[in-house]
Amino acid sequence: MTTLDATTFCRNLEEVLDLAPGTLKGNETLSDWWDSIAMMGYLAMADNKYGVIIPAKRVPKVPTVDDLAALIQEFRN
């Protein structure tokens, strides 16, 4: 399985969160802007763009954008 491209992931997440392109770099903490709607958008993106179903209970345990990408990678393997 190929490695998840961090830049592409950030652009996809920015689209879901209605953020300007280039806003996310990966090291941002989720607590600054994360809410239940953002989480649902992330879960839908994981399914639609990456073909993975992530259990919602796993998402609150990740602290950063990079960790969200790693979670998708974990379920792709």
N, C-alpha and C. Protein backbone atom coordinates (compact mmCIF):
# COMPACT_ATOMS: atom_id res chain seq x y z
N MET A 1 0.86 -1.18 0.00
CA MET A 1 0.00 0.00 0.00
C MET A 1 0.89 1.23 0.00
N THR A 2 0.52 2.22 -0.78
CA THR A 2 1.32 3.44 -0.85
C THR A 2 1.11 4.31 0.38
N THR A 3 2.11 5.12 0.65
CA THR A 3 2.06 6.04 1.79
C THR A 3 1.15 7.22 1.45
N LEU A 4 0.44 7.67 2.43
CA LEU A 4 -0.44 8.82 2.28
C LEU A 4 0.40 10.08 2.07
N ASP A 5 0.10 10.84 1.03
CA ASP A 5 0.81 12.09 0.75
C ASP A 5 0.28 13.17 1.69
N ALA A 6 1.16 13.73 2.50
CA ALA A 6 0.76 14.70 3.54
C ALA A 6 0.19 15.98 2.94
N THR A 7 0.77 16.46 1.87
CA THR A 7 0.27 17.70 1.26
C THR A 7 -1.12 17.51 0.68
N THR A 8 -1.32 16.42 -0.02
CA THR A 8 -2.64 16.12 -0.57
C THR A 8 -3.66 15.95 0.54
N PHE A 9 -3.27 15.26 1.60
CA PHE A 9 -4.18 15.08 2.72
C PHE A 9 -4.58 16.43 3.31
N CYS A 10 -3.62 17.31 3.53
CA CYS A 10 -3.93 18.63 4.09
C CYS A 10 -4.86 19.40 3.17
N ARG A 11 -4.64 19.34 1.85
CA ARG A 11 -5.53 20.05 0.91
C ARG A 11 -6.94 19.46 0.98
N ASN A 12 -7.05 18.14 1.06
CA ASN A 12 -8.37 17.51 1.16
C ASN A 12 -9.08 17.91 2.45
N LEU A 13 -8.35 17.95 3.55
CA LEU A 13 -8.94 18.33 4.83
C LEU A 13 -9.33 19.82 4.81
N GLU A 14 -8.52 20.64 4.20
CA GLU A 14 -8.87 22.06 4.08
C GLU A 14 -10.18 22.24 3.33
N GLU A 15 -10.36 21.45 2.29
CA GLU A 15 -11.60 21.51 1.51
C GLU A 15 -12.79 21.13 2.38
N VAL A 16 -12.65 20.07 3.14
CA VAL A 16 -13.72 19.61 4.03
C VAL A 16 -14.05 20.69 5.07
N LEU A 17 -13.03 21.34 5.59
CA LEU A 17 -13.22 22.31 6.66
C LEU A 17 -13.43 23.73 6.16
N ASP A 18 -13.48 23.89 4.84
CA ASP A 18 -13.67 25.21 4.23
C ASP A 18 -12.58 26.19 4.66
N LEU A 19 -11.34 25.71 4.62
CA LEU A 19 -10.17 26.54 4.93
C LEU A 19 -9.45 26.90 3.63
N ALA A 20 -8.75 28.00 3.63
CA ALA A 20 -7.99 28.41 2.46
C ALA A 20 -6.87 27.40 2.18
N PRO A 21 -6.60 27.12 0.89
CA PRO A 21 -5.50 26.22 0.55
C PRO A 21 -4.18 26.72 1.17
N GLY A 22 -3.44 25.80 1.73
CA GLY A 22 -2.17 26.14 2.36
C GLY A 22 -2.27 26.48 3.83
N THR A 23 -3.49 26.46 4.38
CA THR A 23 -3.69 26.77 5.79
C THR A 23 -3.06 25.71 6.68
N LEU A 24 -3.29 24.44 6.34
CA LEU A 24 -2.82 23.33 7.17
C LEU A 24 -1.45 22.86 6.71
N LYS A 25 -0.59 22.63 7.68
CA LYS A 25 0.75 22.10 7.40
C LYS A 25 0.91 20.69 7.95
N GLY A 26 0.10 20.32 8.95
CA GLY A 26 0.15 18.98 9.51
C GLY A 26 0.39 18.96 11.00
N ASN A 27 1.09 19.95 11.51
CA ASN A 27 1.43 19.92 12.93
C ASN A 27 0.42 20.67 13.81
N GLU A 28 -0.67 21.17 13.20
CA GLU A 28 -1.67 21.91 13.97
C GLU A 28 -2.41 20.98 14.94
N THR A 29 -2.70 21.50 16.11
CA THR A 29 -3.51 20.73 17.06
C THR A 29 -4.98 20.89 16.70
N LEU A 30 -5.72 19.85 16.89
CA LEU A 30 -7.13 19.85 16.51
C LEU A 30 -7.99 20.68 17.45
N SER A 31 -7.58 20.86 18.66
CA SER A 31 -8.42 21.54 19.65
C SER A 31 -8.76 22.98 19.25
N ASP A 32 -7.98 23.57 18.38
CA ASP A 32 -8.21 24.96 17.98
C ASP A 32 -9.46 25.14 17.12
N TRP A 33 -9.83 24.14 16.32
CA TRP A 33 -10.95 24.29 15.40
C TRP A 33 -11.76 23.03 15.18
N TRP A 34 -11.50 22.02 15.93
CA TRP A 34 -12.15 20.72 15.74
C TRP A 34 -13.47 20.67 16.48
N ASP A 35 -14.52 20.19 15.81
CA ASP A 35 -15.81 19.98 16.44
C ASP A 35 -16.46 18.75 15.81
N SER A 36 -17.69 18.44 16.21
CA SER A 36 -18.34 17.22 15.72
C SER A 36 -18.61 17.28 14.22
N ILE A 37 -18.89 18.45 13.69
CA ILE A 37 -19.13 18.57 12.25
C ILE A 37 -17.82 18.35 11.49
N ALA A 38 -16.74 18.88 11.99
CA ALA A 38 -15.43 18.66 11.38
C ALA A 38 -15.08 17.17 11.40
N MET A 39 -15.38 16.50 12.50
CA MET A 39 -15.10 15.07 12.60
C MET A 39 -15.91 14.29 11.57
N MET A 40 -17.18 14.62 11.41
CA MET A 40 -18.01 13.92 10.43
C MET A 40 -17.49 14.15 9.01
N GLY A 41 -17.06 15.36 8.73
CA GLY A 41 -16.48 15.65 7.43
C GLY A 41 -15.21 14.85 7.18
N TYR A 42 -14.39 14.73 8.22
CA TYR A 42 -13.16 13.93 8.12
C TYR A 42 -13.48 12.47 7.84
N LEU A 43 -14.46 11.93 8.56
CA LEU A 43 -14.83 10.52 8.36
C LEU A 43 -15.36 10.29 6.95
N ALA A 44 -16.15 11.22 6.46
CA ALA A 44 -16.66 11.11 5.09
C ALA A 44 -15.53 11.21 4.07
N MET A 45 -14.58 12.12 4.30
CA MET A 45 -13.43 12.26 3.41
C MET A 45 -12.60 10.99 3.40
N ALA A 46 -12.39 10.40 4.57
CA ALA A 46 -11.60 9.16 4.65
C ALA A 46 -12.23 8.07 3.79
N ASP A 47 -13.54 7.99 3.83
CA ASP A 47 -14.26 7.00 3.03
C ASP A 47 -14.23 7.36 1.55
N ASN A 48 -14.60 8.58 1.20
CA ASN A 48 -14.74 8.98 -0.20
C ASN A 48 -13.41 9.11 -0.94
N LYS A 49 -12.41 9.68 -0.29
CA LYS A 49 -11.13 9.94 -0.98
C LYS A 49 -10.11 8.82 -0.80
N TYR A 50 -10.20 8.11 0.34
CA TYR A 50 -9.17 7.11 0.64
C TYR A 50 -9.71 5.69 0.77
N GLY A 51 -11.03 5.54 0.71
CA GLY A 51 -11.63 4.21 0.73
C GLY A 51 -11.52 3.48 2.05
N VAL A 52 -11.47 4.22 3.14
CA VAL A 52 -11.38 3.57 4.46
C VAL A 52 -12.52 4.03 5.36
N ILE A 53 -12.98 3.12 6.16
CA ILE A 53 -13.99 3.42 7.17
C ILE A 53 -13.27 3.45 8.52
N ILE A 54 -13.31 4.60 9.16
CA ILE A 54 -12.64 4.75 10.45
C ILE A 54 -13.71 4.83 11.53
N PRO A 55 -13.59 4.02 12.57
CA PRO A 55 -14.56 4.11 13.67
C PRO A 55 -14.49 5.50 14.32
N ALA A 56 -15.64 6.13 14.49
CA ALA A 56 -15.69 7.48 15.05
C ALA A 56 -15.02 7.55 16.42
N LYS A 57 -15.08 6.48 17.18
CA LYS A 57 -14.49 6.50 18.53
C LYS A 57 -12.97 6.63 18.50
N ARG A 58 -12.33 6.36 17.37
CA ARG A 58 -10.87 6.49 17.27
C ARG A 58 -10.42 7.93 17.06
N VAL A 59 -11.27 8.75 16.45
CA VAL A 59 -10.88 10.10 16.06
C VAL A 59 -10.58 11.02 17.24
N PRO A 60 -11.38 11.04 18.31
CA PRO A 60 -11.07 11.97 19.41
C PRO A 60 -9.73 11.70 20.11
N LYS A 61 -9.13 10.57 19.82
CA LYS A 61 -7.87 10.21 20.49
C LYS A 61 -6.64 10.75 19.76
N VAL A 62 -6.84 11.45 18.64
CA VAL A 62 -5.70 11.98 17.90
C VAL A 62 -5.58 13.48 18.12
N PRO A 63 -4.38 13.98 18.43
CA PRO A 63 -4.23 15.39 18.79
C PRO A 63 -3.91 16.35 17.63
N THR A 64 -3.38 15.86 16.50
CA THR A 64 -2.94 16.78 15.44
C THR A 64 -3.45 16.35 14.06
N VAL A 65 -3.31 17.26 13.10
CA VAL A 65 -3.65 16.96 11.71
C VAL A 65 -2.82 15.79 11.20
N ASP A 66 -1.52 15.77 11.52
CA ASP A 66 -0.67 14.65 11.12
C ASP A 66 -1.20 13.33 11.66
N ASP A 67 -1.74 13.35 12.87
CA ASP A 67 -2.29 12.14 13.46
C ASP A 67 -3.55 11.67 12.72
N LEU A 68 -4.34 12.63 12.20
CA LEU A 68 -5.50 12.25 11.39
C LEU A 68 -5.05 11.52 10.13
N ALA A 69 -3.99 12.03 9.50
CA ALA A 69 -3.44 11.38 8.31
C ALA A 69 -2.93 9.98 8.66
N ALA A 70 -2.24 9.87 9.78
CA ALA A 70 -1.71 8.57 10.21
C ALA A 70 -2.84 7.57 10.48
N LEU A 71 -3.95 8.06 10.97
CA LEU A 71 -5.09 7.19 11.23
C LEU A 71 -5.64 6.62 9.92
N ILE A 72 -5.73 7.44 8.90
CA ILE A 72 -6.15 6.94 7.59
C ILE A 72 -5.15 5.90 7.09
N GLN A 73 -3.88 6.22 7.21
CA GLN A 73 -2.84 5.28 6.77
C GLN A 73 -2.95 3.95 7.50
N GLU A 74 -3.21 4.00 8.78
CA GLU A 74 -3.36 2.78 9.58
C GLU A 74 -4.48 1.90 9.03
N PHE A 75 -5.60 2.51 8.66
CA PHE A 75 -6.72 1.73 8.17
C PHE A 75 -6.59 1.35 6.70
N ARG A 76 -5.67 1.97 5.99
CA ARG A 76 -5.41 1.57 4.60
C ARG A 76 -4.58 0.30 4.53
N ASN A 77 -3.81 0.05 5.56
CA ASN A 77 -2.91 -1.13 5.56
C ASN A 77 -3.64 -2.40 5.91
